[in-house]
Amino acid sequence: MADDKSFADRVTGPLKNAGEAIKNAGAKAAENSQAINLRVLEQAEQNAREAFAAMRAAASAKSLSEVMEIQGNFIREQSSRGMDHVREIGELIAKFGRDVMPGDKK
C-alpha cells in the first residue's frame, strides 16, 4: 500500500506543482497588466494636460507666427514624449517578462 501512495505522489506531485505555477503566473500577469494600464492612463492624462496648455498658449498668442511657434513646439515635445512613453511601457513589459522567466536575472 505504501508503494501505491508513493506512486500516486510521484504522479500527482508534479501536476500540483505545475498547477500552482500556472496559478501564480496568472496572478502575476494580472498584476503586471494592471500596472501597465495604470501607467498608460497616467501618460494619457499628461498628454491631455500638455495639449490644453498648448491650446491656452495659442489662444493668447498675439500673432499667427506665435501660434505657429507654439504649435511647432508642442508637436516636437509631444513626439519626444510619445517616444518616451513607448520606451517606458516597453521596459515595463520586458521587466515583467524577465520576472516571470526562470533562469539568470541580469
PDB file of N, CA and C in Angstrom:
ATOM      1  N   MET A   1       0.812  -1.191   0.000  1.00  0.00           N
ATOM      2  CA  MET A   1       0.000   0.000   0.000  1.00  0.00           C
ATOM      3  C   MET A   1       0.862   1.264   0.000  1.00  0.00           C
ATOM      4  N   ALA A   2       2.004   1.196   0.688  1.00  0.00           N
ATOM      5  CA  ALA A   2       2.907   2.341   0.722  1.00  0.00           C
ATOM      6  C   ALA A   2       3.435   2.654  -0.661  1.00  0.00           C
ATOM      7  N   ASP A   3       3.627   1.603  -1.465  1.00  0.00           N
ATOM      8  CA  ASP A   3       4.096   1.819  -2.832  1.00  0.00           C
ATOM      9  C   ASP A   3       3.045   2.547  -3.662  1.00  0.00           C
ATOM     10  N   ASP A   4       1.739   2.234  -3.420  1.00  0.00           N
ATOM     11  CA  ASP A   4       0.658   2.905  -4.141  1.00  0.00           C
ATOM     12  C   ASP A   4       0.641   4.391  -3.811  1.00  0.00           C
ATOM     13  N   LYS A   5       0.794   4.723  -2.558  1.00  0.00           N
ATOM     14  CA  LYS A   5       0.801   6.128  -2.124  1.00  0.00           C
ATOM     15  C   LYS A   5       2.003   6.842  -2.727  1.00  0.00           C
ATOM     16  N   SER A   6       3.126   6.205  -2.714  1.00  0.00           N
ATOM     17  CA  SER A   6       4.336   6.778  -3.261  1.00  0.00           C
ATOM     18  C   SER A   6       4.183   7.010  -4.760  1.00  0.00           C
ATOM     19  N   PHE A   7       3.597   6.040  -5.455  1.00  0.00           N
ATOM     20  CA  PHE A   7       3.378   6.169  -6.897  1.00  0.00           C
ATOM     21  C   PHE A   7       2.413   7.319  -7.183  1.00  0.00           C
ATOM     22  N   ALA A   8       1.344   7.395  -6.419  1.00  0.00           N
ATOM     23  CA  ALA A   8       0.358   8.464  -6.595  1.00  0.00           C
ATOM     24  C   ALA A   8       0.998   9.829  -6.359  1.00  0.00           C
ATOM     25  N   ASP A   9       1.828   9.927  -5.327  1.00  0.00           N
ATOM     26  CA  ASP A   9       2.519  11.192  -5.056  1.00  0.00           C
ATOM     27  C   ASP A   9       3.460  11.566  -6.190  1.00  0.00           C
ATOM     28  N   ARG A  10       4.130  10.559  -6.739  1.00  0.00           N
ATOM     29  CA  ARG A  10       5.061  10.824  -7.844  1.00  0.00           C
ATOM     30  C   ARG A  10       4.313  11.309  -9.084  1.00  0.00           C
ATOM     31  N   VAL A  11       3.102  10.830  -9.271  1.00  0.00           N
ATOM     32  CA  VAL A  11       2.317  11.218 -10.444  1.00  0.00           C
ATOM     33  C   VAL A  11       1.635  12.567 -10.224  1.00  0.00           C
ATOM     34  N   THR A  12       0.993  12.740  -9.080  1.00  0.00           N
ATOM     35  CA  THR A  12       0.212  13.959  -8.849  1.00  0.00           C
ATOM     36  C   THR A  12       1.055  15.132  -8.363  1.00  0.00           C
ATOM     37  N   GLY A  13       2.173  14.851  -7.735  1.00  0.00           N
ATOM     38  CA  GLY A  13       3.023  15.936  -7.216  1.00  0.00           C
ATOM     39  C   GLY A  13       3.425  16.933  -8.296  1.00  0.00           C
ATOM     40  N   PRO A  14       4.004  16.484  -9.408  1.00  0.00           N
ATOM     41  CA  PRO A  14       4.366  17.432 -10.470  1.00  0.00           C
ATOM     42  C   PRO A  14       3.164  18.167 -11.058  1.00  0.00           C
ATOM     43  N   LEU A  15       2.024  17.491 -11.137  1.00  0.00           N
ATOM     44  CA  LEU A  15       0.816  18.148 -11.643  1.00  0.00           C
ATOM     45  C   LEU A  15       0.357  19.261 -10.708  1.00  0.00           C
ATOM     46  N   LYS A  16       0.413  18.968  -9.410  1.00  0.00           N
ATOM     47  CA  LYS A  16       0.049  20.001  -8.434  1.00  0.00           C
ATOM     48  C   LYS A  16       1.012  21.180  -8.511  1.00  0.00           C
ATOM     49  N   ASN A  17       2.301  20.881  -8.631  1.00  0.00           N
ATOM     50  CA  ASN A  17       3.300  21.950  -8.739  1.00  0.00           C
ATOM     51  C   ASN A  17       3.080  22.785  -9.992  1.00  0.00           C
ATOM     52  N   ALA A  18       2.768  22.118 -11.099  1.00  0.00           N
ATOM     53  CA  ALA A  18       2.510  22.845 -12.350  1.00  0.00           C
ATOM     54  C   ALA A  18       1.271  23.720 -12.214  1.00  0.00           C
ATOM     55  N   GLY A  19       0.245  23.194 -11.557  1.00  0.00           N
ATOM     56  CA  GLY A  19      -0.976  23.973 -11.337  1.00  0.00           C
ATOM     57  C   GLY A  19      -0.707  25.210 -10.502  1.00  0.00           C
ATOM     58  N   GLU A  20       0.091  25.065  -9.468  1.00  0.00           N
ATOM     59  CA  GLU A  20       0.456  26.215  -8.628  1.00  0.00           C
ATOM     60  C   GLU A  20       1.258  27.242  -9.426  1.00  0.00           C
ATOM     61  N   ALA A  21       2.179  26.771 -10.242  1.00  0.00           N
ATOM     62  CA  ALA A  21       2.994  27.674 -11.054  1.00  0.00           C
ATOM     63  C   ALA A  21       2.121  28.453 -12.035  1.00  0.00           C
ATOM     64  N   ILE A  22       1.161  27.772 -12.645  1.00  0.00           N
ATOM     65  CA  ILE A  22       0.250  28.438 -13.584  1.00  0.00           C
ATOM     66  C   ILE A  22      -0.617  29.455 -12.846  1.00  0.00           C
ATOM     67  N   LYS A  23      -1.104  29.080 -11.687  1.00  0.00           N
ATOM     68  CA  LYS A  23      -1.931  29.991 -10.880  1.00  0.00           C
ATOM     69  C   LYS A  23      -1.124  31.235 -10.507  1.00  0.00           C
ATOM     70  N   ASN A  24       0.107  31.053 -10.057  1.00  0.00           N
ATOM     71  CA  ASN A  24       0.962  32.180  -9.674  1.00  0.00           C
ATOM     72  C   ASN A  24       1.296  33.050 -10.874  1.00  0.00           C
ATOM     73  N   ALA A  25       1.568  32.424 -12.019  1.00  0.00           N
ATOM     74  CA  ALA A  25       1.876  33.189 -13.231  1.00  0.00           C
ATOM     75  C   ALA A  25       0.674  34.011 -13.669  1.00  0.00           C
ATOM     76  N   GLY A  26      -0.516  33.439 -13.545  1.00  0.00           N
ATOM     77  CA  GLY A  26      -1.734  34.168 -13.896  1.00  0.00           C
ATOM     78  C   GLY A  26      -1.951  35.372 -12.997  1.00  0.00           C
ATOM     79  N   ALA A  27      -1.717  35.189 -11.712  1.00  0.00           N
ATOM     80  CA  ALA A  27      -1.861  36.309 -10.771  1.00  0.00           C
ATOM     81  C   ALA A  27      -0.842  37.400 -11.070  1.00  0.00           C
ATOM     82  N   LYS A  28       0.383  36.991 -11.373  1.00  0.00           N
ATOM     83  CA  LYS A  28       1.432  37.966 -11.691  1.00  0.00           C
ATOM     84  C   LYS A  28       1.106  38.702 -12.989  1.00  0.00           C
ATOM     85  N   ALA A  29       0.582  37.978 -13.983  1.00  0.00           N
ATOM     86  CA  ALA A  29       0.211  38.602 -15.249  1.00  0.00           C
ATOM     87  C   ALA A  29      -0.887  39.644 -15.038  1.00  0.00           C
ATOM     88  N   ALA A  30      -1.862  39.336 -14.207  1.00  0.00           N
ATOM     89  CA  ALA A  30      -2.935  40.292 -13.913  1.00  0.00           C
ATOM     90  C   ALA A  30      -2.382  41.527 -13.209  1.00  0.00           C
ATOM     91  N   GLU A  31      -1.483  41.312 -12.280  1.00  0.00           N
ATOM     92  CA  GLU A  31      -0.850  42.424 -11.556  1.00  0.00           C
ATOM     93  C   GLU A  31      -0.048  43.299 -12.523  1.00  0.00           C
ATOM     94  N   ASN A  32       0.715  42.671 -13.407  1.00  0.00           N
ATOM     95  CA  ASN A  32       1.516  43.408 -14.384  1.00  0.00           C
ATOM     96  C   ASN A  32       0.631  44.176 -15.354  1.00  0.00           C
ATOM     97  N   SER A  33      -0.442  43.561 -15.792  1.00  0.00           N
ATOM     98  CA  SER A  33      -1.376  44.218 -16.706  1.00  0.00           C
ATOM     99  C   SER A  33      -1.982  45.456 -16.051  1.00  0.00           C
ATOM    100  N   GLN A  34      -2.317  45.327 -14.792  1.00  0.00           N
ATOM    101  CA  GLN A  34      -2.882  46.461 -14.051  1.00  0.00           C
ATOM    102  C   GLN A  34      -1.862  47.600 -13.966  1.00  0.00           C
ATOM    103  N   ALA A  35      -0.608  47.276 -13.716  1.00  0.00           N
ATOM    104  CA  ALA A  35       0.442  48.304 -13.623  1.00  0.00           C
ATOM    105  C   ALA A  35       0.625  49.008 -14.960  1.00  0.00           C
ATOM    106  N   ILE A  36       0.618  48.249 -16.043  1.00  0.00           N
ATOM    107  CA  ILE A  36       0.771  48.855 -17.376  1.00  0.00           C
ATOM    108  C   ILE A  36      -0.425  49.741 -17.689  1.00  0.00           C
ATOM    109  N   ASN A  37      -1.636  49.244 -17.428  1.00  0.00           N
ATOM    110  CA  ASN A  37      -2.840  50.035 -17.697  1.00  0.00           C
ATOM    111  C   ASN A  37      -2.834  51.344 -16.915  1.00  0.00           C
ATOM    112  N   LEU A  38      -2.438  51.291 -15.664  1.00  0.00           N
ATOM    113  CA  LEU A  38      -2.379  52.499 -14.846  1.00  0.00           C
ATOM    114  C   LEU A  38      -1.378  53.487 -15.419  1.00  0.00           C
ATOM    115  N   ARG A  39      -0.220  52.987 -15.833  1.00  0.00           N
ATOM    116  CA  ARG A  39       0.809  53.875 -16.388  1.00  0.00           C
ATOM    117  C   ARG A  39       0.351  54.498 -17.702  1.00  0.00           C
ATOM    118  N   VAL A  40      -0.340  53.727 -18.546  1.00  0.00           N
ATOM    119  CA  VAL A  40      -0.864  54.267 -19.807  1.00  0.00           C
ATOM    120  C   VAL A  40      -1.880  55.373 -19.525  1.00  0.00           C
ATOM    121  N   LEU A  41      -2.728  55.184 -18.520  1.00  0.00           N
ATOM    122  CA  LEU A  41      -3.688  56.232 -18.144  1.00  0.00           C
ATOM    123  C   LEU A  41      -2.974  57.486 -17.648  1.00  0.00           C
ATOM    124  N   GLU A  42      -1.935  57.302 -16.850  1.00  0.00           N
ATOM    125  CA  GLU A  42      -1.165  58.453 -16.367  1.00  0.00           C
ATOM    126  C   GLU A  42      -0.527  59.203 -17.534  1.00  0.00           C
ATOM    127  N   GLN A  43      -0.028  58.458 -18.510  1.00  0.00           N
ATOM    128  CA  GLN A  43       0.570  59.093 -19.687  1.00  0.00           C
ATOM    129  C   GLN A  43      -0.477  59.852 -20.489  1.00  0.00           C
ATOM    130  N   ALA A  44      -1.666  59.287 -20.625  1.00  0.00           N
ATOM    131  CA  ALA A  44      -2.746  59.966 -21.353  1.00  0.00           C
ATOM    132  C   ALA A  44      -3.144  61.258 -20.648  1.00  0.00           C
ATOM    133  N   GLU A  45      -3.196  61.228 -19.320  1.00  0.00           N
ATOM    134  CA  GLU A  45      -3.501  62.445 -18.559  1.00  0.00           C
ATOM    135  C   GLU A  45      -2.430  63.510 -18.793  1.00  0.00           C
ATOM    136  N   GLN A  46      -1.182  63.099 -18.786  1.00  0.00           N
ATOM    137  CA  GLN A  46      -0.095  64.042 -19.032  1.00  0.00           C
ATOM    138  C   GLN A  46      -0.221  64.647 -20.426  1.00  0.00           C
ATOM    139  N   ASN A  47      -0.511  63.810 -21.417  1.00  0.00           N
ATOM    140  CA  ASN A  47      -0.662  64.305 -22.784  1.00  0.00           C
ATOM    141  C   ASN A  47      -1.819  65.298 -22.891  1.00  0.00           C
ATOM    142  N   ALA A  48      -2.919  65.014 -22.214  1.00  0.00           N
ATOM    143  CA  ALA A  48      -4.061  65.921 -22.248  1.00  0.00           C
ATOM    144  C   ALA A  48      -3.713  67.259 -21.591  1.00  0.00           C
ATOM    145  N   ARG A  49      -3.020  67.214 -20.456  1.00  0.00           N
ATOM    146  CA  ARG A  49      -2.609  68.463 -19.787  1.00  0.00           C
ATOM    147  C   ARG A  49      -1.717  69.298 -20.701  1.00  0.00           C
ATOM    148  N   GLU A  50      -0.775  68.643 -21.356  1.00  0.00           N
ATOM    149  CA  GLU A  50       0.135  69.352 -22.259  1.00  0.00           C
ATOM    150  C   GLU A  50      -0.615  69.937 -23.458  1.00  0.00           C
ATOM    151  N   ALA A  51      -1.584  69.204 -23.980  1.00  0.00           N
ATOM    152  CA  ALA A  51      -2.371  69.696 -25.117  1.00  0.00           C
ATOM    153  C   ALA A  51      -3.183  70.924 -24.713  1.00  0.00           C
ATOM    154  N   PHE A  52      -3.824  70.881 -23.554  1.00  0.00           N
ATOM    155  CA  PHE A  52      -4.598  72.035 -23.104  1.00  0.00           C
ATOM    156  C   PHE A  52      -3.700  73.239 -22.820  1.00  0.00           C
ATOM    157  N   ALA A  53      -2.522  72.994 -22.280  1.00  0.00           N
ATOM    158  CA  ALA A  53      -1.583  74.097 -22.038  1.00  0.00           C
ATOM    159  C   ALA A  53      -1.184  74.743 -23.361  1.00  0.00           C
ATOM    160  N   ALA A  54      -0.951  73.936 -24.378  1.00  0.00           N
ATOM    161  CA  ALA A  54      -0.591  74.479 -25.690  1.00  0.00           C
ATOM    162  C   ALA A  54      -1.769  75.244 -26.296  1.00  0.00           C
ATOM    163  N   MET A  55      -2.986  74.730 -26.129  1.00  0.00           N
ATOM    164  CA  MET A  55      -4.167  75.436 -26.661  1.00  0.00           C
ATOM    165  C   MET A  55      -4.370  76.771 -25.955  1.00  0.00           C
ATOM    166  N   ARG A  56      -4.139  76.797 -24.644  1.00  0.00           N
ATOM    167  CA  ARG A  56      -4.252  78.069 -23.908  1.00  0.00           C
ATOM    168  C   ARG A  56      -3.222  79.071 -24.409  1.00  0.00           C
ATOM    169  N   ALA A  57      -1.999  78.585 -24.594  1.00  0.00           N
ATOM    170  CA  ALA A  57      -0.940  79.477 -25.087  1.00  0.00           C
ATOM    171  C   ALA A  57      -1.276  79.981 -26.483  1.00  0.00           C
ATOM    172  N   ALA A  58      -1.784  79.133 -27.354  1.00  0.00           N
ATOM    173  CA  ALA A  58      -2.140  79.549 -28.710  1.00  0.00           C
ATOM    174  C   ALA A  58      -3.307  80.534 -28.689  1.00  0.00           C
ATOM    175  N   ALA A  59      -4.253  80.315 -27.780  1.00  0.00           N
ATOM    176  CA  ALA A  59      -5.408  81.210 -27.691  1.00  0.00           C
ATOM    177  C   ALA A  59      -5.006  82.611 -27.237  1.00  0.00           C
ATOM    178  N   SER A  60      -3.925  82.714 -26.490  1.00  0.00           N
ATOM    179  CA  SER A  60      -3.498  84.034 -26.028  1.00  0.00           C
ATOM    180  C   SER A  60      -2.354  84.606 -26.863  1.00  0.00           C
ATOM    181  N   ALA A  61      -2.030  83.947 -27.953  1.00  0.00           N
ATOM    182  CA  ALA A  61      -0.941  84.418 -28.822  1.00  0.00           C
ATOM    183  C   ALA A  61      -1.326  85.747 -29.483  1.00  0.00           C
ATOM    184  N   LYS A  62      -0.322  86.552 -29.743  1.00  0.00           N
ATOM    185  CA  LYS A  62      -0.540  87.883 -30.319  1.00  0.00           C
ATOM    186  C   LYS A  62      -0.465  87.882 -31.846  1.00  0.00           C
ATOM    187  N   SER A  63       0.088  86.816 -32.405  1.00  0.00           N
ATOM    188  CA  SER A  63       0.237  86.795 -33.862  1.00  0.00           C
ATOM    189  C   SER A  63       0.170  85.357 -34.375  1.00  0.00           C
ATOM    190  N   LEU A  64      -0.027  85.235 -35.669  1.00  0.00           N
ATOM    191  CA  LEU A  64      -0.066  83.922 -36.299  1.00  0.00           C
ATOM    192  C   LEU A  64       1.286  83.225 -36.180  1.00  0.00           C
ATOM    193  N   SER A  65       2.371  83.979 -36.284  1.00  0.00           N
ATOM    194  CA  SER A  65       3.692  83.358 -36.158  1.00  0.00           C
ATOM    195  C   SER A  65       3.902  82.796 -34.748  1.00  0.00           C
ATOM    196  N   GLU A  66       3.363  83.469 -33.750  1.00  0.00           N
ATOM    197  CA  GLU A  66       3.461  82.960 -32.380  1.00  0.00           C
ATOM    198  C   GLU A  66       2.644  81.669 -32.228  1.00  0.00           C
ATOM    199  N   VAL A  67       1.466  81.624 -32.851  1.00  0.00           N
ATOM    200  CA  VAL A  67       0.645  80.406 -32.827  1.00  0.00           C
ATOM    201  C   VAL A  67       1.408  79.253 -33.482  1.00  0.00           C
ATOM    202  N   MET A  68       2.037  79.543 -34.629  1.00  0.00           N
ATOM    203  CA  MET A  68       2.787  78.509 -35.343  1.00  0.00           C
ATOM    204  C   MET A  68       3.971  78.014 -34.510  1.00  0.00           C
ATOM    205  N   GLU A  69       4.616  78.919 -33.810  1.00  0.00           N
ATOM    206  CA  GLU A  69       5.738  78.531 -32.946  1.00  0.00           C
ATOM    207  C   GLU A  69       5.250  77.642 -31.800  1.00  0.00           C
ATOM    208  N   ILE A  70       4.155  78.030 -31.181  1.00  0.00           N
ATOM    209  CA  ILE A  70       3.581  77.238 -30.084  1.00  0.00           C
ATOM    210  C   ILE A  70       3.201  75.854 -30.599  1.00  0.00           C
ATOM    211  N   GLN A  71       2.562  75.807 -31.754  1.00  0.00           N
ATOM    212  CA  GLN A  71       2.150  74.530 -32.328  1.00  0.00           C
ATOM    213  C   GLN A  71       3.360  73.661 -32.667  1.00  0.00           C
ATOM    214  N   GLY A  72       4.384  74.257 -33.257  1.00  0.00           N
ATOM    215  CA  GLY A  72       5.599  73.505 -33.591  1.00  0.00           C
ATOM    216  C   GLY A  72       6.281  72.949 -32.348  1.00  0.00           C
ATOM    217  N   ASN A  73       6.376  73.775 -31.317  1.00  0.00           N
ATOM    218  CA  ASN A  73       6.976  73.318 -30.058  1.00  0.00           C
ATOM    219  C   ASN A  73       6.170  72.172 -29.454  1.00  0.00           C
ATOM    220  N   PHE A  74       4.851  72.312 -29.487  1.00  0.00           N
ATOM    221  CA  PHE A  74       4.006  71.257 -28.933  1.00  0.00           C
ATOM    222  C   PHE A  74       4.209  69.943 -29.689  1.00  0.00           C
ATOM    223  N   ILE A  75       4.246  70.016 -31.004  1.00  0.00           N
ATOM    224  CA  ILE A  75       4.397  68.799 -31.802  1.00  0.00           C
ATOM    225  C   ILE A  75       5.745  68.137 -31.522  1.00  0.00           C
ATOM    226  N   ARG A  76       6.806  68.916 -31.441  1.00  0.00           N
ATOM    227  CA  ARG A  76       8.125  68.352 -31.116  1.00  0.00           C
ATOM    228  C   ARG A  76       8.128  67.708 -29.732  1.00  0.00           C
ATOM    229  N   GLU A  77       7.597  68.428 -28.762  1.00  0.00           N
ATOM    230  CA  GLU A  77       7.565  67.904 -27.395  1.00  0.00           C
ATOM    231  C   GLU A  77       6.670  66.670 -27.298  1.00  0.00           C
ATOM    232  N   GLN A  78       5.537  66.683 -28.001  1.00  0.00           N
ATOM    233  CA  GLN A  78       4.624  65.542 -27.964  1.00  0.00           C
ATOM    234  C   GLN A  78       5.271  64.323 -28.615  1.00  0.00           C
ATOM    235  N   SER A  79       5.995  64.544 -29.679  1.00  0.00           N
ATOM    236  CA  SER A  79       6.689  63.437 -30.341  1.00  0.00           C
ATOM    237  C   SER A  79       7.724  62.822 -29.405  1.00  0.00           C
ATOM    238  N   SER A  80       8.498  63.666 -28.752  1.00  0.00           N
ATOM    239  CA  SER A  80       9.506  63.193 -27.807  1.00  0.00           C
ATOM    240  C   SER A  80       8.849  62.474 -26.624  1.00  0.00           C
ATOM    241  N   ARG A  81       7.769  63.067 -26.127  1.00  0.00           N
ATOM    242  CA  ARG A  81       7.042  62.473 -25.004  1.00  0.00           C
ATOM    243  C   ARG A  81       6.467  61.115 -25.419  1.00  0.00           C
ATOM    244  N   GLY A  82       5.940  61.026 -26.621  1.00  0.00           N
ATOM    245  CA  GLY A  82       5.390  59.763 -27.109  1.00  0.00           C
ATOM    246  C   GLY A  82       6.446  58.673 -27.175  1.00  0.00           C
ATOM    247  N   MET A  83       7.643  59.027 -27.672  1.00  0.00           N
ATOM    248  CA  MET A  83       8.722  58.041 -27.718  1.00  0.00           C
ATOM    249  C   MET A  83       9.123  57.608 -26.313  1.00  0.00           C
ATOM    250  N   ASP A  84       9.168  58.559 -25.392  1.00  0.00           N
ATOM    251  CA  ASP A  84       9.487  58.227 -24.001  1.00  0.00           C
ATOM    252  C   ASP A  84       8.438  57.289 -23.408  1.00  0.00           C
ATOM    253  N   HIS A  85       7.174  57.556 -23.716  1.00  0.00           N
ATOM    254  CA  HIS A  85       6.092  56.719 -23.190  1.00  0.00           C
ATOM    255  C   HIS A  85       6.183  55.298 -23.741  1.00  0.00           C
ATOM    256  N   VAL A  86       6.428  55.179 -25.040  1.00  0.00           N
ATOM    257  CA  VAL A  86       6.553  53.854 -25.649  1.00  0.00           C
ATOM    258  C   VAL A  86       7.736  53.107 -25.047  1.00  0.00           C
ATOM    259  N   ARG A  87       8.849  53.796 -24.876  1.00  0.00           N
ATOM    260  CA  ARG A  87      10.041  53.183 -24.283  1.00  0.00           C
ATOM    261  C   ARG A  87       9.747  52.717 -22.855  1.00  0.00           C
ATOM    262  N   GLU A  88       9.077  53.550 -22.087  1.00  0.00           N
ATOM    263  CA  GLU A  88       8.764  53.202 -20.699  1.00  0.00           C
ATOM    264  C   GLU A  88       7.862  51.968 -20.624  1.00  0.00           C
ATOM    265  N   ILE A  89       6.830  51.923 -21.445  1.00  0.00           N
ATOM    266  CA  ILE A  89       5.924  50.765 -21.437  1.00  0.00           C
ATOM    267  C   ILE A  89       6.676  49.522 -21.915  1.00  0.00           C
ATOM    268  N   GLY A  90       7.521  49.672 -22.930  1.00  0.00           N
ATOM    269  CA  GLY A  90       8.328  48.546 -23.401  1.00  0.00           C
ATOM    270  C   GLY A  90       9.240  48.012 -22.309  1.00  0.00           C
ATOM    271  N   GLU A  91       9.849  48.914 -21.549  1.00  0.00           N
ATOM    272  CA  GLU A  91      10.720  48.500 -20.450  1.00  0.00           C
ATOM    273  C   GLU A  91       9.926  47.787 -19.352  1.00  0.00           C
ATOM    274  N   LEU A  92       8.720  48.273 -19.072  1.00  0.00           N
ATOM    275  CA  LEU A  92       7.869  47.600 -18.081  1.00  0.00           C
ATOM    276  C   LEU A  92       7.533  46.182 -18.536  1.00  0.00           C
ATOM    277  N   ILE A  93       7.162  46.045 -19.801  1.00  0.00           N
ATOM    278  CA  ILE A  93       6.813  44.717 -20.332  1.00  0.00           C
ATOM    279  C   ILE A  93       8.022  43.797 -20.283  1.00  0.00           C
ATOM    280  N   ALA A  94       9.195  44.315 -20.671  1.00  0.00           N
ATOM    281  CA  ALA A  94      10.410  43.492 -20.638  1.00  0.00           C
ATOM    282  C   ALA A  94      10.751  43.083 -19.209  1.00  0.00           C
ATOM    283  N   LYS A  95      10.603  44.009 -18.267  1.00  0.00           N
ATOM    284  CA  LYS A  95      10.879  43.689 -16.862  1.00  0.00           C
ATOM    285  C   LYS A  95       9.938  42.595 -16.370  1.00  0.00           C
ATOM    286  N   PHE A  96       8.661  42.718 -16.713  1.00  0.00           N
ATOM    287  CA  PHE A  96       7.696  41.711 -16.292  1.00  0.00           C
ATOM    288  C   PHE A  96       8.050  40.363 -16.900  1.00  0.00           C
ATOM    289  N   GLY A  97       8.494  40.367 -18.145  1.00  0.00           N
ATOM    290  CA  GLY A  97       8.912  39.118 -18.785  1.00  0.00           C
ATOM    291  C   GLY A  97      10.100  38.498 -18.090  1.00  0.00           C
ATOM    292  N   ARG A  98      11.077  39.318 -17.731  1.00  0.00           N
ATOM    293  CA  ARG A  98      12.251  38.806 -17.014  1.00  0.00           C
ATOM    294  C   ARG A  98      11.865  38.256 -15.645  1.00  0.00           C
ATOM    295  N   ASP A  99      10.912  38.918 -14.986  1.00  0.00           N
ATOM    296  CA  ASP A  99      10.470  38.452 -13.668  1.00  0.00           C
ATOM    297  C   ASP A  99       9.785  37.093 -13.734  1.00  0.00           C
ATOM    298  N   VAL A 100       9.130  36.805 -14.843  1.00  0.00           N
ATOM    299  CA  VAL A 100       8.381  35.563 -14.981  1.00  0.00           C
ATOM    300  C   VAL A 100       9.268  34.428 -15.460  1.00  0.00           C
ATOM    301  N   MET A 101      10.255  34.741 -16.286  1.00  0.00           N
ATOM    302  CA  MET A 101      11.102  33.700 -16.872  1.00  0.00           C
ATOM    303  C   MET A 101      12.084  33.143 -15.835  1.00  0.00           C
ATOM    304  N   PRO A 102      12.201  31.843 -15.788  1.00  0.00           N
ATOM    305  CA  PRO A 102      13.185  31.259 -14.869  1.00  0.00           C
ATOM    306  C   PRO A 102      14.592  31.463 -15.423  1.00  0.00           C
ATOM    307  N   GLY A 103      15.560  31.391 -14.553  1.00  0.00           N
ATOM    308  CA  GLY A 103      16.940  31.480 -15.009  1.00  0.00           C
ATOM    309  C   GLY A 103      17.633  32.710 -14.477  1.00  0.00           C
ATOM    310  N   ASP A 104      18.673  33.126 -15.195  1.00  0.00           N
ATOM    311  CA  ASP A 104      19.532  34.240 -14.788  1.00  0.00           C
ATOM    312  C   ASP A 104      18.766  35.540 -14.791  1.00  0.00           C
ATOM    313  N   LYS A 105      18.820  36.297 -13.708  1.00  0.00           N
ATOM    314  CA  LYS A 105      18.120  37.580 -13.566  1.00  0.00           C
ATOM    315  C   LYS A 105      19.134  38.725 -13.663  1.00  0.00           C
ATOM    316  N   LYS A 106      19.577  39.025 -14.858  1.00  0.00           N
ATOM    317  CA  LYS A 106      20.572  40.104 -15.035  1.00  0.00           C
ATOM    318  C   LYS A 106      19.910  41.435 -15.175  1.00  0.00           C
TER     319      LYS A 106
END
